[in-house]
Amino acid sequence: YLLKVLKGQQPVPRKSVFGYLLEGNKNIPSTF
C-alpha cells in the first residue's frame, strides 16, 4: 500500500497518515 501511494496508484484520503509520502524530502527539524 505504501508503494501504491508513493506511485500515485492509490488515492489518499484527506488528512491521511500516509500523506507524508507525497511531500518533499523530509529531514529532522533544523533546530531542536
Full PDB file with SEQRES, HELIX, SHEET, SSBOND, CRYST1, ORIGX, SCALE, CONECT and MASTER records, all heavy atoms in Angstrom:
SEQRES   1 A   32  TYR LEU LEU LYS VAL LEU LYS GLY GLN GLN PRO VAL PRO          
SEQRES   2 A   32  ARG LYS SER VAL PHE GLY TYR LEU LEU GLU GLY ASN LYS          
SEQRES   3 A   32  ASN ILE PRO SER THR PHE                                      
HELIX    1 AA1 LEU A    2  LEU A    6  1                                   5    
HELIX    2 AA2 GLY A   19  LEU A   22  5                                   4    
CRYST1    1.000    1.000    1.000  90.00  90.00  90.00 P 1           1          
ORIGX1      1.000000  0.000000  0.000000        0.00000                         
ORIGX2      0.000000  1.000000  0.000000        0.00000                         
ORIGX3      0.000000  0.000000  1.000000        0.00000                         
SCALE1      1.000000  0.000000  0.000000        0.00000                         
SCALE2      0.000000  1.000000  0.000000        0.00000                         
SCALE3      0.000000  0.000000  1.000000        0.00000                         
ATOM      1  N   TYR A   1       0.840  -1.206   0.000  1.00  0.00           N  
ATOM      2  CA  TYR A   1       0.000   0.000   0.000  1.00  0.00           C  
ATOM      3  C   TYR A   1       0.876   1.257   0.000  1.00  0.00           C  
ATOM      4  O   TYR A   1       0.586   2.230  -0.705  1.00  0.00           O  
ATOM      5  CB  TYR A   1      -0.924  -0.009   1.222  1.00  0.00           C  
ATOM      6  CG  TYR A   1      -1.905   1.141   1.252  1.00  0.00           C  
ATOM      7  CD1 TYR A   1      -3.118   1.059   0.584  1.00  0.00           C  
ATOM      8  CD2 TYR A   1      -1.628   2.312   1.954  1.00  0.00           C  
ATOM      9  CE1 TYR A   1      -4.029   2.106   0.610  1.00  0.00           C  
ATOM     10  CE2 TYR A   1      -2.522   3.368   1.983  1.00  0.00           C  
ATOM     11  CZ  TYR A   1      -3.722   3.262   1.309  1.00  0.00           C  
ATOM     12  OH  TYR A   1      -4.614   4.310   1.324  1.00  0.00           O  
ATOM     13  N   LEU A   2       1.956   1.244   0.782  1.00  0.00           N  
ATOM     14  CA  LEU A   2       2.864   2.401   0.830  1.00  0.00           C  
ATOM     15  C   LEU A   2       3.410   2.718  -0.561  1.00  0.00           C  
ATOM     16  O   LEU A   2       3.458   3.890  -0.975  1.00  0.00           O  
ATOM     17  CB  LEU A   2       4.022   2.107   1.786  1.00  0.00           C  
ATOM     18  CG  LEU A   2       3.693   2.094   3.283  1.00  0.00           C  
ATOM     19  CD1 LEU A   2       4.825   1.439   4.077  1.00  0.00           C  
ATOM     20  CD2 LEU A   2       3.448   3.508   3.799  1.00  0.00           C  
ATOM     21  N   LEU A   3       3.816   1.697  -1.305  1.00  0.00           N  
ATOM     22  CA  LEU A   3       4.377   1.929  -2.637  1.00  0.00           C  
ATOM     23  C   LEU A   3       3.311   2.379  -3.626  1.00  0.00           C  
ATOM     24  O   LEU A   3       3.584   3.191  -4.524  1.00  0.00           O  
ATOM     25  CB  LEU A   3       5.094   0.676  -3.146  1.00  0.00           C  
ATOM     26  CG  LEU A   3       6.618   0.672  -2.871  1.00  0.00           C  
ATOM     27  CD1 LEU A   3       6.924   0.768  -1.387  1.00  0.00           C  
ATOM     28  CD2 LEU A   3       7.264  -0.575  -3.469  1.00  0.00           C  
ATOM     29  N   LYS A   4       2.086   1.876  -3.464  1.00  0.00           N  
ATOM     30  CA  LYS A   4       0.994   2.334  -4.330  1.00  0.00           C  
ATOM     31  C   LYS A   4       0.711   3.827  -4.106  1.00  0.00           C  
ATOM     32  O   LYS A   4       0.481   4.577  -5.053  1.00  0.00           O  
ATOM     33  CB  LYS A   4      -0.266   1.515  -4.065  1.00  0.00           C  
ATOM     34  CG  LYS A   4      -0.259   0.133  -4.674  1.00  0.00           C  
ATOM     35  CD  LYS A   4      -1.596  -0.577  -4.434  1.00  0.00           C  
ATOM     36  CE  LYS A   4      -1.632  -1.940  -5.115  1.00  0.00           C  
ATOM     37  NZ  LYS A   4      -2.936  -2.619  -4.880  1.00  0.00           N  
ATOM     38  N   VAL A   5       0.732   4.245  -2.839  1.00  0.00           N  
ATOM     39  CA  VAL A   5       0.537   5.666  -2.530  1.00  0.00           C  
ATOM     40  C   VAL A   5       1.660   6.493  -3.141  1.00  0.00           C  
ATOM     41  O   VAL A   5       1.430   7.528  -3.771  1.00  0.00           O  
ATOM     42  CB  VAL A   5       0.475   5.888  -1.002  1.00  0.00           C  
ATOM     43  CG1 VAL A   5       0.519   7.378  -0.673  1.00  0.00           C  
ATOM     44  CG2 VAL A   5      -0.788   5.255  -0.425  1.00  0.00           C  
ATOM     45  N   LEU A   6       2.878   6.016  -2.975  1.00  0.00           N  
ATOM     46  CA  LEU A   6       4.048   6.740  -3.469  1.00  0.00           C  
ATOM     47  C   LEU A   6       4.001   6.916  -4.986  1.00  0.00           C  
ATOM     48  O   LEU A   6       4.380   7.962  -5.526  1.00  0.00           O  
ATOM     49  CB  LEU A   6       5.312   5.982  -3.063  1.00  0.00           C  
ATOM     50  CG  LEU A   6       6.653   6.671  -3.312  1.00  0.00           C  
ATOM     51  CD1 LEU A   6       6.740   7.988  -2.546  1.00  0.00           C  
ATOM     52  CD2 LEU A   6       7.796   5.751  -2.893  1.00  0.00           C  
ATOM     53  N   LYS A   7       3.507   5.895  -5.688  1.00  0.00           N  
ATOM     54  CA  LYS A   7       3.458   5.945  -7.155  1.00  0.00           C  
ATOM     55  C   LYS A   7       2.186   6.600  -7.685  1.00  0.00           C  
ATOM     56  O   LYS A   7       1.998   6.681  -8.900  1.00  0.00           O  
ATOM     57  CB  LYS A   7       3.560   4.519  -7.708  1.00  0.00           C  
ATOM     58  CG  LYS A   7       4.889   3.836  -7.430  1.00  0.00           C  
ATOM     59  CD  LYS A   7       4.868   2.391  -7.914  1.00  0.00           C  
ATOM     60  CE  LYS A   7       6.177   1.693  -7.630  1.00  0.00           C  
ATOM     61  NZ  LYS A   7       6.154   0.267  -8.047  1.00  0.00           N  
ATOM     62  N   GLY A   8       1.310   7.041  -6.791  1.00  0.00           N  
ATOM     63  CA  GLY A   8       0.066   7.660  -7.236  1.00  0.00           C  
ATOM     64  C   GLY A   8      -0.972   6.668  -7.703  1.00  0.00           C  
ATOM     65  O   GLY A   8      -1.974   7.052  -8.319  1.00  0.00           O  
ATOM     66  N   GLN A   9      -0.769   5.379  -7.400  1.00  0.00           N  
ATOM     67  CA  GLN A   9      -1.718   4.344  -7.820  1.00  0.00           C  
ATOM     68  C   GLN A   9      -2.850   4.157  -6.816  1.00  0.00           C  
ATOM     69  O   GLN A   9      -3.815   3.442  -7.095  1.00  0.00           O  
ATOM     70  CB  GLN A   9      -0.981   3.006  -8.000  1.00  0.00           C  
ATOM     71  CG  GLN A   9       0.082   3.030  -9.069  1.00  0.00           C  
ATOM     72  CD  GLN A   9       0.946   1.771  -9.056  1.00  0.00           C  
ATOM     73  OE1 GLN A   9       0.861   0.955  -8.145  1.00  0.00           O  
ATOM     74  NE2 GLN A   9       1.779   1.628 -10.076  1.00  0.00           N  
ATOM     75  N   GLN A  10      -2.720   4.772  -5.644  1.00  0.00           N  
ATOM     76  CA  GLN A  10      -3.723   4.635  -4.596  1.00  0.00           C  
ATOM     77  C   GLN A  10      -4.116   6.024  -4.105  1.00  0.00           C  
ATOM     78  O   GLN A  10      -3.297   6.730  -3.520  1.00  0.00           O  
ATOM     79  CB  GLN A  10      -3.169   3.812  -3.421  1.00  0.00           C  
ATOM     80  CG  GLN A  10      -4.120   3.688  -2.237  1.00  0.00           C  
ATOM     81  CD  GLN A  10      -5.365   2.899  -2.588  1.00  0.00           C  
ATOM     82  OE1 GLN A  10      -5.304   1.765  -3.022  1.00  0.00           O  
ATOM     83  NE2 GLN A  10      -6.528   3.520  -2.405  1.00  0.00           N  
ATOM     84  N   PRO A  11      -5.358   6.441  -4.353  1.00  0.00           N  
ATOM     85  CA  PRO A  11      -5.793   7.745  -3.843  1.00  0.00           C  
ATOM     86  C   PRO A  11      -5.688   7.793  -2.322  1.00  0.00           C  
ATOM     87  O   PRO A  11      -6.013   6.822  -1.635  1.00  0.00           O  
ATOM     88  CB  PRO A  11      -7.255   7.833  -4.294  1.00  0.00           C  
ATOM     89  CG  PRO A  11      -7.392   6.828  -5.391  1.00  0.00           C  
ATOM     90  CD  PRO A  11      -6.418   5.735  -5.087  1.00  0.00           C  
ATOM     91  N   VAL A  12      -5.212   8.940  -1.820  1.00  0.00           N  
ATOM     92  CA  VAL A  12      -5.030   9.088  -0.377  1.00  0.00           C  
ATOM     93  C   VAL A  12      -6.134   9.980   0.173  1.00  0.00           C  
ATOM     94  O   VAL A  12      -6.307  11.109  -0.291  1.00  0.00           O  
ATOM     95  CB  VAL A  12      -3.652   9.704  -0.058  1.00  0.00           C  
ATOM     96  CG1 VAL A  12      -3.510   9.929   1.433  1.00  0.00           C  
ATOM     97  CG2 VAL A  12      -2.552   8.787  -0.559  1.00  0.00           C  
ATOM     98  N   PRO A  13      -6.915   9.471   1.140  1.00  0.00           N  
ATOM     99  CA  PRO A  13      -7.965  10.316   1.735  1.00  0.00           C  
ATOM    100  C   PRO A  13      -7.385  11.576   2.373  1.00  0.00           C  
ATOM    101  O   PRO A  13      -6.209  11.609   2.757  1.00  0.00           O  
ATOM    102  CB  PRO A  13      -8.579   9.403   2.812  1.00  0.00           C  
ATOM    103  CG  PRO A  13      -8.209   8.012   2.406  1.00  0.00           C  
ATOM    104  CD  PRO A  13      -6.890   8.120   1.708  1.00  0.00           C  
ATOM    105  N   ARG A  14      -8.187  12.595   2.467  1.00  0.00           N  
ATOM    106  CA  ARG A  14      -7.758  13.851   3.075  1.00  0.00           C  
ATOM    107  C   ARG A  14      -7.307  13.619   4.511  1.00  0.00           C  
ATOM    108  O   ARG A  14      -7.899  12.837   5.238  1.00  0.00           O  
ATOM    109  CB  ARG A  14      -8.946  14.828   3.050  1.00  0.00           C  
ATOM    110  CG  ARG A  14      -8.603  16.265   3.344  1.00  0.00           C  
ATOM    111  CD  ARG A  14      -9.779  17.151   2.982  1.00  0.00           C  
ATOM    112  NE  ARG A  14      -9.960  18.266   3.891  1.00  0.00           N  
ATOM    113  CZ  ARG A  14     -10.515  18.188   5.088  1.00  0.00           C  
ATOM    114  NH1 ARG A  14     -10.927  17.052   5.537  1.00  0.00           N  
ATOM    115  NH2 ARG A  14     -10.671  19.250   5.850  1.00  0.00           N  
ATOM    116  N   LYS A  15      -6.242  14.271   4.909  1.00  0.00           N  
ATOM    117  CA  LYS A  15      -5.654  14.145   6.246  1.00  0.00           C  
ATOM    118  C   LYS A  15      -5.187  12.715   6.544  1.00  0.00           C  
ATOM    119  O   LYS A  15      -5.141  12.304   7.703  1.00  0.00           O  
ATOM    120  CB  LYS A  15      -6.646  14.606   7.334  1.00  0.00           C  
ATOM    121  CG  LYS A  15      -6.977  16.091   7.278  1.00  0.00           C  
ATOM    122  CD  LYS A  15      -7.858  16.492   8.445  1.00  0.00           C  
ATOM    123  CE  LYS A  15      -8.162  17.990   8.416  1.00  0.00           C  
ATOM    124  NZ  LYS A  15      -9.045  18.394   9.532  1.00  0.00           N  
ATOM    125  N   SER A  16      -4.855  11.985   5.515  1.00  0.00           N  
ATOM    126  CA  SER A  16      -4.373  10.615   5.705  1.00  0.00           C  
ATOM    127  C   SER A  16      -3.000  10.616   6.355  1.00  0.00           C  
ATOM    128  O   SER A  16      -2.165  11.484   6.084  1.00  0.00           O  
ATOM    129  CB  SER A  16      -4.297   9.894   4.357  1.00  0.00           C  
ATOM    130  OG  SER A  16      -3.557   8.701   4.472  1.00  0.00           O  
ATOM    131  N   VAL A  17      -2.742   9.607   7.200  1.00  0.00           N  
ATOM    132  CA  VAL A  17      -1.432   9.474   7.824  1.00  0.00           C  
ATOM    133  C   VAL A  17      -0.381   9.069   6.785  1.00  0.00           C  
ATOM    134  O   VAL A  17       0.812   9.137   7.040  1.00  0.00           O  
ATOM    135  CB  VAL A  17      -1.490   8.456   8.982  1.00  0.00           C  
ATOM    136  CG1 VAL A  17      -1.586   7.036   8.438  1.00  0.00           C  
ATOM    137  CG2 VAL A  17      -0.298   8.597   9.912  1.00  0.00           C  
ATOM    138  N   PHE A  18      -0.826   8.654   5.592  1.00  0.00           N  
ATOM    139  CA  PHE A  18       0.098   8.295   4.512  1.00  0.00           C  
ATOM    140  C   PHE A  18       0.502   9.501   3.670  1.00  0.00           C  
ATOM    141  O   PHE A  18       1.321   9.379   2.767  1.00  0.00           O  
ATOM    142  CB  PHE A  18      -0.535   7.245   3.594  1.00  0.00           C  
ATOM    143  CG  PHE A  18      -0.741   5.906   4.241  1.00  0.00           C  
ATOM    144  CD1 PHE A  18      -1.871   5.638   4.992  1.00  0.00           C  
ATOM    145  CD2 PHE A  18       0.203   4.893   4.101  1.00  0.00           C  
ATOM    146  CE1 PHE A  18      -2.068   4.405   5.593  1.00  0.00           C  
ATOM    147  CE2 PHE A  18       0.020   3.651   4.698  1.00  0.00           C  
ATOM    148  CZ  PHE A  18      -1.114   3.401   5.448  1.00  0.00           C  
ATOM    149  N   GLY A  19      -0.082  10.668   3.958  1.00  0.00           N  
ATOM    150  CA  GLY A  19       0.144  11.844   3.128  1.00  0.00           C  
ATOM    151  C   GLY A  19       1.591  12.299   3.070  1.00  0.00           C  
ATOM    152  O   GLY A  19       2.007  12.924   2.078  1.00  0.00           O  
ATOM    153  N   TYR A  20       2.390  12.005   4.079  1.00  0.00           N  
ATOM    154  CA  TYR A  20       3.787  12.452   4.107  1.00  0.00           C  
ATOM    155  C   TYR A  20       4.595  11.879   2.947  1.00  0.00           C  
ATOM    156  O   TYR A  20       5.630  12.432   2.564  1.00  0.00           O  
ATOM    157  CB  TYR A  20       4.445  12.051   5.438  1.00  0.00           C  
ATOM    158  CG  TYR A  20       4.685  10.564   5.599  1.00  0.00           C  
ATOM    159  CD1 TYR A  20       5.917   9.999   5.295  1.00  0.00           C  
ATOM    160  CD2 TYR A  20       3.678   9.714   6.054  1.00  0.00           C  
ATOM    161  CE1 TYR A  20       6.145   8.640   5.443  1.00  0.00           C  
ATOM    162  CE2 TYR A  20       3.893   8.357   6.197  1.00  0.00           C  
ATOM    163  CZ  TYR A  20       5.126   7.820   5.895  1.00  0.00           C  
ATOM    164  OH  TYR A  20       5.339   6.469   6.029  1.00  0.00           O  
ATOM    165  N   LEU A  21       4.111  10.787   2.353  1.00  0.00           N  
ATOM    166  CA  LEU A  21       4.837  10.179   1.238  1.00  0.00           C  
ATOM    167  C   LEU A  21       4.772  11.029  -0.027  1.00  0.00           C  
ATOM    168  O   LEU A  21       5.595  10.881  -0.926  1.00  0.00           O  
ATOM    169  CB  LEU A  21       4.270   8.789   0.945  1.00  0.00           C  
ATOM    170  CG  LEU A  21       4.468   7.739   2.040  1.00  0.00           C  
ATOM    171  CD1 LEU A  21       3.726   6.456   1.696  1.00  0.00           C  
ATOM    172  CD2 LEU A  21       5.947   7.457   2.261  1.00  0.00           C  
ATOM    173  N   LEU A  22       3.796  11.913  -0.100  1.00  0.00           N  
ATOM    174  CA  LEU A  22       3.609  12.739  -1.288  1.00  0.00           C  
ATOM    175  C   LEU A  22       4.215  14.124  -1.118  1.00  0.00           C  
ATOM    176  O   LEU A  22       4.054  14.991  -1.984  1.00  0.00           O  
ATOM    177  CB  LEU A  22       2.108  12.855  -1.602  1.00  0.00           C  
ATOM    178  CG  LEU A  22       1.372  11.513  -1.771  1.00  0.00           C  
ATOM    179  CD1 LEU A  22      -0.099  11.739  -2.066  1.00  0.00           C  
ATOM    180  CD2 LEU A  22       2.017  10.681  -2.866  1.00  0.00           C  
ATOM    181  N   GLU A  23       4.888  14.334   0.007  1.00  0.00           N  
ATOM    182  CA  GLU A  23       5.531  15.621   0.268  1.00  0.00           C  
ATOM    183  C   GLU A  23       7.012  15.538  -0.089  1.00  0.00           C  
ATOM    184  O   GLU A  23       7.540  14.462  -0.366  1.00  0.00           O  
ATOM    185  CB  GLU A  23       5.341  15.996   1.740  1.00  0.00           C  
ATOM    186  CG  GLU A  23       3.861  16.127   2.148  1.00  0.00           C  
ATOM    187  CD  GLU A  23       3.683  16.294   3.648  1.00  0.00           C  
ATOM    188  OE1 GLU A  23       4.705  16.370   4.364  1.00  0.00           O  
ATOM    189  OE2 GLU A  23       2.523  16.319   4.097  1.00  0.00           O  
ATOM    190  N   GLY A  24       7.684  16.683  -0.080  1.00  0.00           N  
ATOM    191  CA  GLY A  24       9.111  16.713  -0.390  1.00  0.00           C  
ATOM    192  C   GLY A  24       9.927  15.959   0.632  1.00  0.00           C  
ATOM    193  O   GLY A  24       9.425  15.572   1.698  1.00  0.00           O  
ATOM    194  N   ASN A  25      11.203  15.748   0.314  1.00  0.00           N  
ATOM    195  CA  ASN A  25      12.088  15.012   1.216  1.00  0.00           C  
ATOM    196  C   ASN A  25      12.070  15.605   2.613  1.00  0.00           C  
ATOM    197  O   ASN A  25      12.234  16.821   2.788  1.00  0.00           O  
ATOM    198  CB  ASN A  25      13.519  15.025   0.687  1.00  0.00           C  
ATOM    199  CG  ASN A  25      13.696  14.089  -0.485  1.00  0.00           C  
ATOM    200  OD1 ASN A  25      12.827  13.259  -0.759  1.00  0.00           O  
ATOM    201  ND2 ASN A  25      14.806  14.222  -1.185  1.00  0.00           N  
ATOM    202  N   LYS A  26      11.874  14.737   3.576  1.00  0.00           N  
ATOM    203  CA  LYS A  26      11.808  15.197   4.959  1.00  0.00           C  
ATOM    204  C   LYS A  26      13.126  14.908   5.658  1.00  0.00           C  
ATOM    205  O   LYS A  26      13.753  13.878   5.440  1.00  0.00           O  
ATOM    206  CB  LYS A  26      10.667  14.504   5.695  1.00  0.00           C  
ATOM    207  CG  LYS A  26       9.288  14.961   5.234  1.00  0.00           C  
ATOM    208  CD  LYS A  26       8.203  14.361   6.087  1.00  0.00           C  
ATOM    209  CE  LYS A  26       6.845  14.954   5.723  1.00  0.00           C  
ATOM    210  NZ  LYS A  26       6.742  16.378   6.062  1.00  0.00           N  
ATOM    211  N   ASN A  27      13.531  15.826   6.517  1.00  0.00           N  
ATOM    212  CA  ASN A  27      14.688  15.623   7.367  1.00  0.00           C  
ATOM    213  C   ASN A  27      14.296  15.954   8.788  1.00  0.00           C  
ATOM    214  O   ASN A  27      13.177  16.408   9.056  1.00  0.00           O  
ATOM    215  CB  ASN A  27      15.861  16.496   6.904  1.00  0.00           C  
ATOM    216  CG  ASN A  27      16.510  15.936   5.652  1.00  0.00           C  
ATOM    217  OD1 ASN A  27      17.039  14.839   5.660  1.00  0.00           O  
ATOM    218  ND2 ASN A  27      16.443  16.697   4.562  1.00  0.00           N  
ATOM    219  N   ILE A  28      15.216  15.744   9.692  1.00  0.00           N  
ATOM    220  CA  ILE A  28      14.934  16.082  11.079  1.00  0.00           C  
ATOM    221  C   ILE A  28      14.778  17.590  11.199  1.00  0.00           C  
ATOM    222  O   ILE A  28      15.240  18.338  10.327  1.00  0.00           O  
ATOM    223  CB  ILE A  28      16.067  15.586  12.005  1.00  0.00           C  
ATOM    224  CG1 ILE A  28      17.381  16.273  11.632  1.00  0.00           C  
ATOM    225  CG2 ILE A  28      16.179  14.083  11.952  1.00  0.00           C  
ATOM    226  CD1 ILE A  28      18.456  16.099  12.655  1.00  0.00           C  
ATOM    227  N   PRO A  29      14.127  18.100  12.243  1.00  0.00           N  
ATOM    228  CA  PRO A  29      13.986  19.551  12.408  1.00  0.00           C  
ATOM    229  C   PRO A  29      15.346  20.247  12.370  1.00  0.00           C  
ATOM    230  O   PRO A  29      16.344  19.725  12.889  1.00  0.00           O  
ATOM    231  CB  PRO A  29      13.328  19.677  13.786  1.00  0.00           C  
ATOM    232  CG  PRO A  29      12.617  18.374  13.992  1.00  0.00           C  
ATOM    233  CD  PRO A  29      13.456  17.338  13.305  1.00  0.00           C  
ATOM    234  N   SER A  30      15.394  21.387  11.739  1.00  0.00           N  
ATOM    235  CA  SER A  30      16.675  22.107  11.603  1.00  0.00           C  
ATOM    236  C   SER A  30      17.196  22.584  12.951  1.00  0.00           C  
ATOM    237  O   SER A  30      18.399  22.660  13.181  1.00  0.00           O  
ATOM    238  CB  SER A  30      16.510  23.290  10.644  1.00  0.00           C  
ATOM    239  OG  SER A  30      15.453  24.129  11.082  1.00  0.00           O  
ATOM    240  N   THR A  31      16.290  22.907  13.852  1.00  0.00           N  
ATOM    241  CA  THR A  31      16.694  23.293  15.214  1.00  0.00           C  
ATOM    242  C   THR A  31      15.836  22.525  16.213  1.00  0.00           C  
ATOM    243  O   THR A  31      14.642  22.322  15.992  1.00  0.00           O  
ATOM    244  CB  THR A  31      16.508  24.804  15.451  1.00  0.00           C  
ATOM    245  OG1 THR A  31      15.131  25.155  15.202  1.00  0.00           O  
ATOM    246  CG2 THR A  31      17.415  25.608  14.526  1.00  0.00           C  
ATOM    247  N   PHE A  32      16.476  22.098  17.274  1.00  0.00           N  
ATOM    248  CA  PHE A  32      15.777  21.385  18.340  1.00  0.00           C  
ATOM    249  C   PHE A  32      15.696  22.278  19.566  1.00  0.00           C  
ATOM    250  O   PHE A  32      16.639  23.001  19.888  1.00  0.00           O  
ATOM    251  CB  PHE A  32      16.539  20.115  18.737  1.00  0.00           C  
ATOM    252  CG  PHE A  32      16.265  18.930  17.865  1.00  0.00           C  
ATOM    253  CD1 PHE A  32      17.141  18.588  16.850  1.00  0.00           C  
ATOM    254  CD2 PHE A  32      15.145  18.146  18.068  1.00  0.00           C  
ATOM    255  CE1 PHE A  32      16.910  17.486  16.049  1.00  0.00           C  
ATOM    256  CE2 PHE A  32      14.905  17.040  17.275  1.00  0.00           C  
ATOM    257  CZ  PHE A  32      15.783  16.708  16.257  1.00  0.00           C  
TER     258      PHE A  32                                                      
MASTER        0    0    0    2    0    0    0    6  257    1    0    3          
END                                                                             
